[in-house]
Each structure stands twice: as structure tokens, then as C-alpha cells.
């Protein structure tokens, strides 16, 4: 899903200021009876991201922060939280990435049964298999009698493909 186009940087600069130490976005002006200048903005949505409304439209806070500090960027790109903490909006924790690069910094899926991303038991042939996504395509890394060998093949492929050290943890 393509994110909404962000408001102009000038408008964001009029509405918000950013605390470099904490990564929090603060209001510059009172916008309603329930808000005051200096308030920390952002309510947590179900996915764990902070969101804020600008002109009655919701935006994710990390995207507002990135545009506020860095200016315009290609809206087709994503902003990745390097440490995967969606509430940690310190600018050094945010990076502009492609969808593929962002996928290289994912946590292990909840339906994973092997304990390692890209490693699974193939009961038809009684062996462990390892796979990885490279350039948007699934690559088969091999079949292995030992789980440890499948994990080692996957880790080697992750390193070669530029996956994050924290991917799958």
C-alpha cells in the first residue's frame, strides 16, 4: 500500500519541532482545546507505529520526522526503524530504504517452527531445507540432513545478500 503524500515541509516546520535527544515530535502551536504547544504528539496505532493528524489526516510520526529533518524524499521508498522499535523515532534510528532492503531487517515470523528464518523441515523427504529471498525471488539454498547445516547455509546467504545482523531475531 502506498503511503499518503506528506504535507509540505514548510507546514510541518510551522506545526512541529523535534527533540534530537529523545526522538519525540512536539507541537509548536495549540491546535484544539485538547492540545497545547509543547505537547508530545503521537498516538499508537494497532501496528505499533505512532501516528498524528495534520489537517484531519493521519500520518505516521516517523515519516513526518523524516520529512521535517531531511526534506523531500521519494515517497515510493520506506522509512525503516533500524532497531525495529516502531516507537523509537530518533533520526539516527531511521533510514530510507527500498521495500526489499526493509524486508532484510524483519523479525522472525510468528508461524516459524524451526527458530530460524528461511529454514524448515521438509517431511516428504525427511530433511531440512534453506531458502532466502534475493532480488525479489526465492532462492533455494539446499537440502540438509542436519538442521545446523541448513541454518549455516542460510546465515552465509544472509551475509552475502546484505541482510541485517538482527534479521530473524
Foldseek 3Di string as FASTA:
>chain_A
DQDDDDDALVVLVQFWDADQVQLFIFGCQDDDPVDGGGDTAFDQDPVQFTWHDDPNDIDTPLVSVCCNPPNDDPSQWDWAQQVNNRHRNNVVRIDTGHPVQNLLRAEADPPDDLLFPQWDADVVVGWIWGWDAAPNDIDTQDTHNDSVVNRVSNVVVSVVRVRDPNYHD
